[in-house]
Amino acid sequence: MGAGYPLLFDGGVRRGADVLKALALGADAVLIGRPYVYGLAVGGQAGVERVIKQLWAEVDSSLSLLGAHSVRELDRSWLAEAPR
């Protein structure tokens, strides 16, 4: 993006598909603050690990459904325009 700074997406990430949308829109990384905190509150370290594993599984599943092999393939062409 601009001036060589990484673009970090933070906010509203709840599912693996959200991660893929952010990456397709040009994010260099996606932050998962709330799901991480929810997992921590419910189950401590094990809860955080479970949240991360579940999110990663959703990313993997969504990639497969898209027919993509890697998040590196994603760009705006993978997104559909929202219905009006």
PDB file of N, CA and C in Angstrom:
ATOM      1  N   MET A   1       0.831  -1.172   0.000  1.00  0.00           N
ATOM      2  CA  MET A   1       0.000   0.000   0.000  1.00  0.00           C
ATOM      3  C   MET A   1       0.884   1.246   0.000  1.00  0.00           C
ATOM      4  N   GLY A   2       0.595   2.220   0.847  1.00  0.00           N
ATOM      5  CA  GLY A   2       1.302   3.483   0.798  1.00  0.00           C
ATOM      6  C   GLY A   2       2.627   3.486   1.534  1.00  0.00           C
ATOM      7  N   ALA A   3       3.635   3.987   0.910  1.00  0.00           N
ATOM      8  CA  ALA A   3       4.955   4.242   1.504  1.00  0.00           C
ATOM      9  C   ALA A   3       5.586   3.020   2.153  1.00  0.00           C
ATOM     10  N   GLY A   4       5.238   1.835   1.698  1.00  0.00           N
ATOM     11  CA  GLY A   4       5.866   0.624   2.201  1.00  0.00           C
ATOM     12  C   GLY A   4       5.403   0.170   3.574  1.00  0.00           C
ATOM     13  N   TYR A   5       4.354   0.767   4.092  1.00  0.00           N
ATOM     14  CA  TYR A   5       3.827   0.352   5.390  1.00  0.00           C
ATOM     15  C   TYR A   5       2.871  -0.818   5.205  1.00  0.00           C
ATOM     16  N   PRO A   6       2.906  -1.781   6.121  1.00  0.00           N
ATOM     17  CA  PRO A   6       1.947  -2.887   6.009  1.00  0.00           C
ATOM     18  C   PRO A   6       0.542  -2.414   6.374  1.00  0.00           C
ATOM     19  N   LEU A   7      -0.429  -2.973   5.695  1.00  0.00           N
ATOM     20  CA  LEU A   7      -1.826  -2.665   5.972  1.00  0.00           C
ATOM     21  C   LEU A   7      -2.397  -3.779   6.845  1.00  0.00           C
ATOM     22  N   LEU A   8      -2.769  -3.427   8.072  1.00  0.00           N
ATOM     23  CA  LEU A   8      -3.342  -4.385   9.010  1.00  0.00           C
ATOM     24  C   LEU A   8      -4.839  -4.146   9.103  1.00  0.00           C
ATOM     25  N   PHE A   9      -5.609  -5.216   8.953  1.00  0.00           N
ATOM     26  CA  PHE A   9      -7.064  -5.121   9.044  1.00  0.00           C
ATOM     27  C   PHE A   9      -7.471  -5.546  10.444  1.00  0.00           C
ATOM     28  N   ASP A  10      -8.221  -4.695  11.126  1.00  0.00           N
ATOM     29  CA  ASP A  10      -8.662  -5.001  12.482  1.00  0.00           C
ATOM     30  C   ASP A  10     -10.081  -4.509  12.662  1.00  0.00           C
ATOM     31  N   GLY A  11     -10.955  -5.394  13.014  1.00  0.00           N
ATOM     32  CA  GLY A  11     -12.325  -4.996  13.283  1.00  0.00           C
ATOM     33  C   GLY A  11     -13.332  -5.820  12.514  1.00  0.00           C
ATOM     34  N   GLY A  12     -14.248  -6.426  13.220  1.00  0.00           N
ATOM     35  CA  GLY A  12     -15.324  -7.158  12.585  1.00  0.00           C
ATOM     36  C   GLY A  12     -14.975  -8.552  12.112  1.00  0.00           C
ATOM     37  N   VAL A  13     -13.818  -9.051  12.468  1.00  0.00           N
ATOM     38  CA  VAL A  13     -13.415 -10.388  12.034  1.00  0.00           C
ATOM     39  C   VAL A  13     -14.032 -11.413  12.982  1.00  0.00           C
ATOM     40  N   ARG A  14     -14.938 -12.214  12.452  1.00  0.00           N
ATOM     41  CA  ARG A  14     -15.606 -13.238  13.256  1.00  0.00           C
ATOM     42  C   ARG A  14     -15.466 -14.630  12.647  1.00  0.00           C
ATOM     43  N   ARG A  15     -15.287 -14.695  11.318  1.00  0.00           N
ATOM     44  CA  ARG A  15     -15.235 -15.968  10.607  1.00  0.00           C
ATOM     45  C   ARG A  15     -14.034 -15.995   9.666  1.00  0.00           C
ATOM     46  N   GLY A  16     -13.727 -17.196   9.203  1.00  0.00           N
ATOM     47  CA  GLY A  16     -12.640 -17.352   8.249  1.00  0.00           C
ATOM     48  C   GLY A  16     -12.887 -16.586   6.962  1.00  0.00           C
ATOM     49  N   ALA A  17     -14.147 -16.508   6.543  1.00  0.00           N
ATOM     50  CA  ALA A  17     -14.478 -15.765   5.328  1.00  0.00           C
ATOM     51  C   ALA A  17     -14.149 -14.285   5.485  1.00  0.00           C
ATOM     52  N   ASP A  18     -14.287 -13.758   6.698  1.00  0.00           N
ATOM     53  CA  ASP A  18     -13.927 -12.360   6.951  1.00  0.00           C
ATOM     54  C   ASP A  18     -12.434 -12.137   6.722  1.00  0.00           C
ATOM     55  N   VAL A  19     -11.641 -13.099   7.142  1.00  0.00           N
ATOM     56  CA  VAL A  19     -10.189 -13.026   6.937  1.00  0.00           C
ATOM     57  C   VAL A  19      -9.882 -12.985   5.444  1.00  0.00           C
ATOM     58  N   LEU A  20     -10.527 -13.864   4.685  1.00  0.00           N
ATOM     59  CA  LEU A  20     -10.265 -13.921   3.242  1.00  0.00           C
ATOM     60  C   LEU A  20     -10.709 -12.651   2.536  1.00  0.00           C
ATOM     61  N   LYS A  21     -11.829 -12.082   2.936  1.00  0.00           N
ATOM     62  CA  LYS A  21     -12.292 -10.829   2.328  1.00  0.00           C
ATOM     63  C   LYS A  21     -11.288  -9.712   2.569  1.00  0.00           C
ATOM     64  N   ALA A  22     -10.787  -9.620   3.793  1.00  0.00           N
ATOM     65  CA  ALA A  22      -9.816  -8.569   4.115  1.00  0.00           C
ATOM     66  C   ALA A  22      -8.542  -8.730   3.293  1.00  0.00           C
ATOM     67  N   LEU A  23      -8.072  -9.965   3.165  1.00  0.00           N
ATOM     68  CA  LEU A  23      -6.860 -10.209   2.378  1.00  0.00           C
ATOM     69  C   LEU A  23      -7.097  -9.916   0.896  1.00  0.00           C
ATOM     70  N   ALA A  24      -8.273 -10.276   0.398  1.00  0.00           N
ATOM     71  CA  ALA A  24      -8.597 -10.001  -1.006  1.00  0.00           C
ATOM     72  C   ALA A  24      -8.673  -8.499  -1.279  1.00  0.00           C
ATOM     73  N   LEU A  25      -9.044  -7.729  -0.264  1.00  0.00           N
ATOM     74  CA  LEU A  25      -9.129  -6.277  -0.417  1.00  0.00           C
ATOM     75  C   LEU A  25      -7.774  -5.586  -0.257  1.00  0.00           C
ATOM     76  N   GLY A  26      -6.730  -6.363   0.047  1.00  0.00           N
ATOM     77  CA  GLY A  26      -5.395  -5.787   0.087  1.00  0.00           C
ATOM     78  C   GLY A  26      -4.702  -5.749   1.435  1.00  0.00           C
ATOM     79  N   ALA A  27      -5.326  -6.303   2.466  1.00  0.00           N
ATOM     80  CA  ALA A  27      -4.677  -6.319   3.777  1.00  0.00           C
ATOM     81  C   ALA A  27      -3.447  -7.224   3.734  1.00  0.00           C
ATOM     82  N   ASP A  28      -2.405  -6.822   4.439  1.00  0.00           N
ATOM     83  CA  ASP A  28      -1.214  -7.648   4.572  1.00  0.00           C
ATOM     84  C   ASP A  28      -1.367  -8.649   5.707  1.00  0.00           C
ATOM     85  N   ALA A  29      -2.174  -8.302   6.699  1.00  0.00           N
ATOM     86  CA  ALA A  29      -2.426  -9.172   7.840  1.00  0.00           C
ATOM     87  C   ALA A  29      -3.789  -8.838   8.421  1.00  0.00           C
ATOM     88  N   VAL A  30      -4.377  -9.811   9.110  1.00  0.00           N
ATOM     89  CA  VAL A  30      -5.691  -9.641   9.714  1.00  0.00           C
ATOM     90  C   VAL A  30      -5.570  -9.924  11.208  1.00  0.00           C
ATOM     91  N   LEU A  31      -6.032  -8.985  12.011  1.00  0.00           N
ATOM     92  CA  LEU A  31      -5.959  -9.121  13.467  1.00  0.00           C
ATOM     93  C   LEU A  31      -7.276  -9.687  13.992  1.00  0.00           C
ATOM     94  N   ILE A  32      -7.194 -10.492  15.045  1.00  0.00           N
ATOM     95  CA  ILE A  32      -8.394 -11.161  15.556  1.00  0.00           C
ATOM     96  C   ILE A  32      -8.589 -10.881  17.041  1.00  0.00           C
ATOM     97  N   GLY A  33      -8.672  -9.627  17.393  1.00  0.00           N
ATOM     98  CA  GLY A  33      -8.750  -9.217  18.790  1.00  0.00           C
ATOM     99  C   GLY A  33      -9.917  -9.776  19.577  1.00  0.00           C
ATOM    100  N   ARG A  34     -11.135  -9.538  19.144  1.00  0.00           N
ATOM    101  CA  ARG A  34     -12.285  -9.973  19.944  1.00  0.00           C
ATOM    102  C   ARG A  34     -12.411 -11.477  20.056  1.00  0.00           C
ATOM    103  N   PRO A  35     -12.343 -12.228  18.949  1.00  0.00           N
ATOM    104  CA  PRO A  35     -12.432 -13.683  19.116  1.00  0.00           C
ATOM    105  C   PRO A  35     -11.362 -14.219  20.064  1.00  0.00           C
ATOM    106  N   TYR A  36     -10.165 -13.658  19.981  1.00  0.00           N
ATOM    107  CA  TYR A  36      -9.076 -14.049  20.879  1.00  0.00           C
ATOM    108  C   TYR A  36      -9.456 -13.787  22.329  1.00  0.00           C
ATOM    109  N   VAL A  37      -9.985 -12.617  22.606  1.00  0.00           N
ATOM    110  CA  VAL A  37     -10.365 -12.246  23.968  1.00  0.00           C
ATOM    111  C   VAL A  37     -11.529 -13.102  24.464  1.00  0.00           C
ATOM    112  N   TYR A  38     -12.495 -13.378  23.592  1.00  0.00           N
ATOM    113  CA  TYR A  38     -13.617 -14.230  23.989  1.00  0.00           C
ATOM    114  C   TYR A  38     -13.109 -15.613  24.379  1.00  0.00           C
ATOM    115  N   GLY A  39     -12.215 -16.171  23.585  1.00  0.00           N
ATOM    116  CA  GLY A  39     -11.639 -17.474  23.909  1.00  0.00           C
ATOM    117  C   GLY A  39     -10.884 -17.449  25.221  1.00  0.00           C
ATOM    118  N   LEU A  40     -10.147 -16.377  25.454  1.00  0.00           N
ATOM    119  CA  LEU A  40      -9.402 -16.225  26.698  1.00  0.00           C
ATOM    120  C   LEU A  40     -10.339 -16.152  27.889  1.00  0.00           C
ATOM    121  N   ALA A  41     -11.427 -15.390  27.751  1.00  0.00           N
ATOM    122  CA  ALA A  41     -12.373 -15.231  28.854  1.00  0.00           C
ATOM    123  C   ALA A  41     -13.079 -16.544  29.184  1.00  0.00           C
ATOM    124  N   VAL A  42     -13.395 -17.317  28.169  1.00  0.00           N
ATOM    125  CA  VAL A  42     -14.150 -18.549  28.382  1.00  0.00           C
ATOM    126  C   VAL A  42     -13.259 -19.710  28.816  1.00  0.00           C
ATOM    127  N   GLY A  43     -12.069 -19.803  28.223  1.00  0.00           N
ATOM    128  CA  GLY A  43     -11.271 -20.997  28.484  1.00  0.00           C
ATOM    129  C   GLY A  43      -9.788 -20.797  28.684  1.00  0.00           C
ATOM    130  N   GLY A  44      -9.380 -19.568  28.970  1.00  0.00           N
ATOM    131  CA  GLY A  44      -7.948 -19.338  29.176  1.00  0.00           C
ATOM    132  C   GLY A  44      -7.148 -19.647  27.922  1.00  0.00           C
ATOM    133  N   GLN A  45      -5.939 -20.135  28.111  1.00  0.00           N
ATOM    134  CA  GLN A  45      -5.072 -20.437  26.978  1.00  0.00           C
ATOM    135  C   GLN A  45      -5.702 -21.469  26.046  1.00  0.00           C
ATOM    136  N   ALA A  46      -6.333 -22.485  26.611  1.00  0.00           N
ATOM    137  CA  ALA A  46      -6.985 -23.510  25.787  1.00  0.00           C
ATOM    138  C   ALA A  46      -8.100 -22.891  24.940  1.00  0.00           C
ATOM    139  N   GLY A  47      -8.811 -21.915  25.491  1.00  0.00           N
ATOM    140  CA  GLY A  47      -9.864 -21.238  24.744  1.00  0.00           C
ATOM    141  C   GLY A  47      -9.315 -20.451  23.576  1.00  0.00           C
ATOM    142  N   VAL A  48      -8.195 -19.775  23.802  1.00  0.00           N
ATOM    143  CA  VAL A  48      -7.547 -19.020  22.721  1.00  0.00           C
ATOM    144  C   VAL A  48      -7.085 -19.972  21.632  1.00  0.00           C
ATOM    145  N   GLU A  49      -6.474 -21.079  22.034  1.00  0.00           N
ATOM    146  CA  GLU A  49      -6.000 -22.059  21.054  1.00  0.00           C
ATOM    147  C   GLU A  49      -7.158 -22.613  20.234  1.00  0.00           C
ATOM    148  N   ARG A  50      -8.278 -22.859  20.878  1.00  0.00           N
ATOM    149  CA  ARG A  50      -9.449 -23.379  20.179  1.00  0.00           C
ATOM    150  C   ARG A  50      -9.989 -22.359  19.172  1.00  0.00           C
ATOM    151  N   VAL A  51     -10.057 -21.103  19.575  1.00  0.00           N
ATOM    152  CA  VAL A  51     -10.525 -20.046  18.670  1.00  0.00           C
ATOM    153  C   VAL A  51      -9.620 -19.950  17.443  1.00  0.00           C
ATOM    154  N   ILE A  52      -8.331 -19.967  17.666  1.00  0.00           N
ATOM    155  CA  ILE A  52      -7.389 -19.849  16.544  1.00  0.00           C
ATOM    156  C   ILE A  52      -7.495 -21.060  15.620  1.00  0.00           C
ATOM    157  N   LYS A  53      -7.585 -22.263  16.197  1.00  0.00           N
ATOM    158  CA  LYS A  53      -7.721 -23.473  15.371  1.00  0.00           C
ATOM    159  C   LYS A  53      -9.008 -23.445  14.564  1.00  0.00           C
ATOM    160  N   GLN A  54     -10.098 -23.013  15.196  1.00  0.00           N
ATOM    161  CA  GLN A  54     -11.380 -22.956  14.497  1.00  0.00           C
ATOM    162  C   GLN A  54     -11.335 -21.920  13.371  1.00  0.00           C
ATOM    163  N   LEU A  55     -10.765 -20.756  13.646  1.00  0.00           N
ATOM    164  CA  LEU A  55     -10.664 -19.719  12.621  1.00  0.00           C
ATOM    165  C   LEU A  55      -9.804 -20.199  11.459  1.00  0.00           C
ATOM    166  N   TRP A  56      -8.701 -20.859  11.765  1.00  0.00           N
ATOM    167  CA  TRP A  56      -7.813 -21.379  10.722  1.00  0.00           C
ATOM    168  C   TRP A  56      -8.536 -22.433   9.878  1.00  0.00           C
ATOM    169  N   ALA A  57      -9.328 -23.300  10.527  1.00  0.00           N
ATOM    170  CA  ALA A  57     -10.097 -24.314   9.800  1.00  0.00           C
ATOM    171  C   ALA A  57     -11.123 -23.650   8.879  1.00  0.00           C
ATOM    172  N   GLU A  58     -11.745 -22.575   9.346  1.00  0.00           N
ATOM    173  CA  GLU A  58     -12.709 -21.850   8.516  1.00  0.00           C
ATOM    174  C   GLU A  58     -12.029 -21.197   7.322  1.00  0.00           C
ATOM    175  N   VAL A  59     -10.842 -20.646   7.523  1.00  0.00           N
ATOM    176  CA  VAL A  59     -10.079 -20.056   6.412  1.00  0.00           C
ATOM    177  C   VAL A  59      -9.772 -21.142   5.393  1.00  0.00           C
ATOM    178  N   ASP A  60      -9.299 -22.276   5.858  1.00  0.00           N
ATOM    179  CA  ASP A  60      -8.949 -23.384   4.974  1.00  0.00           C
ATOM    180  C   ASP A  60     -10.175 -23.884   4.204  1.00  0.00           C
ATOM    181  N   SER A  61     -11.287 -24.036   4.899  1.00  0.00           N
ATOM    182  CA  SER A  61     -12.526 -24.492   4.272  1.00  0.00           C
ATOM    183  C   SER A  61     -13.017 -23.482   3.230  1.00  0.00           C
ATOM    184  N   SER A  62     -13.002 -22.215   3.582  1.00  0.00           N
ATOM    185  CA  SER A  62     -13.454 -21.175   2.649  1.00  0.00           C
ATOM    186  C   SER A  62     -12.559 -21.111   1.419  1.00  0.00           C
ATOM    187  N   LEU A  63     -11.267 -21.263   1.608  1.00  0.00           N
ATOM    188  CA  LEU A  63     -10.344 -21.289   0.464  1.00  0.00           C
ATOM    189  C   LEU A  63     -10.698 -22.438  -0.474  1.00  0.00           C
ATOM    190  N   SER A  64     -10.981 -23.606   0.112  1.00  0.00           N
ATOM    191  CA  SER A  64     -11.340 -24.769  -0.701  1.00  0.00           C
ATOM    192  C   SER A  64     -12.630 -24.515  -1.471  1.00  0.00           C
ATOM    193  N   LEU A  65     -13.622 -23.922  -0.803  1.00  0.00           N
ATOM    194  CA  LEU A  65     -14.878 -23.635  -1.475  1.00  0.00           C
ATOM    195  C   LEU A  65     -14.708 -22.635  -2.612  1.00  0.00           C
ATOM    196  N   LEU A  66     -13.750 -21.731  -2.465  1.00  0.00           N
ATOM    197  CA  LEU A  66     -13.465 -20.763  -3.533  1.00  0.00           C
ATOM    198  C   LEU A  66     -12.707 -21.388  -4.694  1.00  0.00           C
ATOM    199  N   GLY A  67     -12.023 -22.486  -4.420  1.00  0.00           N
ATOM    200  CA  GLY A  67     -11.174 -23.098  -5.431  1.00  0.00           C
ATOM    201  C   GLY A  67      -9.785 -22.500  -5.460  1.00  0.00           C
ATOM    202  N   ALA A  68      -9.411 -21.804  -4.403  1.00  0.00           N
ATOM    203  CA  ALA A  68      -8.071 -21.202  -4.302  1.00  0.00           C
ATOM    204  C   ALA A  68      -7.164 -22.139  -3.513  1.00  0.00           C
ATOM    205  N   HIS A  69      -5.893 -22.091  -3.820  1.00  0.00           N
ATOM    206  CA  HIS A  69      -4.924 -22.938  -3.128  1.00  0.00           C
ATOM    207  C   HIS A  69      -4.201 -22.199  -2.011  1.00  0.00           C
ATOM    208  N   SER A  70      -4.216 -20.876  -2.069  1.00  0.00           N
ATOM    209  CA  SER A  70      -3.486 -20.078  -1.097  1.00  0.00           C
ATOM    210  C   SER A  70      -4.116 -18.697  -0.986  1.00  0.00           C
ATOM    211  N   VAL A  71      -3.947 -18.069   0.176  1.00  0.00           N
ATOM    212  CA  VAL A  71      -4.439 -16.696   0.327  1.00  0.00           C
ATOM    213  C   VAL A  71      -3.675 -15.747  -0.580  1.00  0.00           C
ATOM    214  N   ARG A  72      -2.498 -16.128  -1.010  1.00  0.00           N
ATOM    215  CA  ARG A  72      -1.707 -15.266  -1.904  1.00  0.00           C
ATOM    216  C   ARG A  72      -2.366 -15.085  -3.271  1.00  0.00           C
ATOM    217  N   GLU A  73      -3.266 -15.995  -3.625  1.00  0.00           N
ATOM    218  CA  GLU A  73      -3.977 -15.893  -4.900  1.00  0.00           C
ATOM    219  C   GLU A  73      -5.072 -14.822  -4.871  1.00  0.00           C
ATOM    220  N   LEU A  74      -5.531 -14.467  -3.701  1.00  0.00           N
ATOM    221  CA  LEU A  74      -6.716 -13.625  -3.568  1.00  0.00           C
ATOM    222  C   LEU A  74      -6.440 -12.167  -3.924  1.00  0.00           C
ATOM    223  N   ASP A  75      -7.381 -11.582  -4.632  1.00  0.00           N
ATOM    224  CA  ASP A  75      -7.399 -10.147  -4.904  1.00  0.00           C
ATOM    225  C   ASP A  75      -8.866  -9.754  -5.077  1.00  0.00           C
ATOM    226  N   ARG A  76      -9.115  -8.526  -5.456  1.00  0.00           N
ATOM    227  CA  ARG A  76     -10.500  -8.038  -5.566  1.00  0.00           C
ATOM    228  C   ARG A  76     -11.344  -8.835  -6.554  1.00  0.00           C
ATOM    229  N   SER A  77     -10.715  -9.484  -7.519  1.00  0.00           N
ATOM    230  CA  SER A  77     -11.478 -10.239  -8.518  1.00  0.00           C
ATOM    231  C   SER A  77     -12.205 -11.439  -7.908  1.00  0.00           C
ATOM    232  N   TRP A  78     -11.832 -11.853  -6.720  1.00  0.00           N
ATOM    233  CA  TRP A  78     -12.475 -12.979  -6.044  1.00  0.00           C
ATOM    234  C   TRP A  78     -13.752 -12.549  -5.314  1.00  0.00           C
ATOM    235  N   LEU A  79     -13.993 -11.263  -5.227  1.00  0.00           N
ATOM    236  CA  LEU A  79     -15.139 -10.753  -4.479  1.00  0.00           C
ATOM    237  C   LEU A  79     -16.289 -10.423  -5.413  1.00  0.00           C
ATOM    238  N   ALA A  80     -17.495 -10.623  -4.921  1.00  0.00           N
ATOM    239  CA  ALA A  80     -18.696 -10.254  -5.671  1.00  0.00           C
ATOM    240  C   ALA A  80     -19.226  -8.943  -5.116  1.00  0.00           C
ATOM    241  N   GLU A  81     -19.879  -8.168  -5.973  1.00  0.00           N
ATOM    242  CA  GLU A  81     -20.490  -6.923  -5.519  1.00  0.00           C
ATOM    243  C   GLU A  81     -21.703  -7.251  -4.643  1.00  0.00           C
ATOM    244  N   ALA A  82     -21.875  -6.502  -3.586  1.00  0.00           N
ATOM    245  CA  ALA A  82     -23.000  -6.722  -2.688  1.00  0.00           C
ATOM    246  C   ALA A  82     -24.308  -6.442  -3.411  1.00  0.00           C
ATOM    247  N   PRO A  83     -25.326  -7.261  -3.167  1.00  0.00           N
ATOM    248  CA  PRO A  83     -26.620  -7.003  -3.805  1.00  0.00           C
ATOM    249  C   PRO A  83     -27.240  -5.708  -3.282  1.00  0.00           C
ATOM    250  N   ARG A  84     -28.004  -5.055  -4.114  1.00  0.00           N
ATOM    251  CA  ARG A  84     -28.620  -3.771  -3.736  1.00  0.00           C
ATOM    252  C   ARG A  84     -30.015  -3.963  -3.266  1.00  0.00           C
TER     253      ARG A  84
END
